[in-house]
């Protein structure tokens, strides 16, 4: 079993919870399977790679760091991120991919489509709850939100973290359908699911797992057609 963890942060370049999670997860997995971490901020020296805990690990831990392509050094921050993501997606060689935050969402989703590798995403935060980033990224905020949304909708599994613990774990459709639970921990759902949820609050009976725009529109049309036929 080969697992690849895709993360913006990884030792020694850690500045938040996502980096801590990626580090600890990689070490625990490496006790059992072969793990490759693909991260931002350039190559790591051998002495910067965390040690695998335990006396007799069955797996291995390798870290590959990527730099922003020189052609994008002066680009918008989101495009710089995508430049790294494209390199990562091309290099993925694993049985399963685990991506952290929007920074590697595009890499994970592209690798899933390119290589047919199952994709797991850990949601540490959501771009719609970080509007201040528009000041930082400008129009790039639209790109970061798009990359995150598209990857979440097409992931094979989503893990939602809350206060350091796993709050929800399952296929995207299963997770997004639990609207009230997500809201109770301060998260949101795709606009399509929110619309279906609000219509149900008004007395309709619509499936909350119609995540894409096409599925949402079809569900609403079918509901109205059914009501008119009665």
Foldseek 3Di string as FASTA:
>chain_A
DEEEEEEQAEPPRDDDDLRVVSLVVQLVVQLEEEYEYEYEDAADDPVRRDDRDDDRRPGYYHYGYDYQPPVCPPPFPLVSLVSSLVVLLVPDDGQAYEYEALSNLLSQVSNCVVVVHAYEYEYPDALVVCVVCCVVRPCSSVVSNVSVLVSLQPHQKYFYDAPRHTPDIGRSLVVLLPQVSQVVRPHHHAPLLVVVVVVVVVPFDFRSSLRDPVSSVVRVVVRVVVVVVD
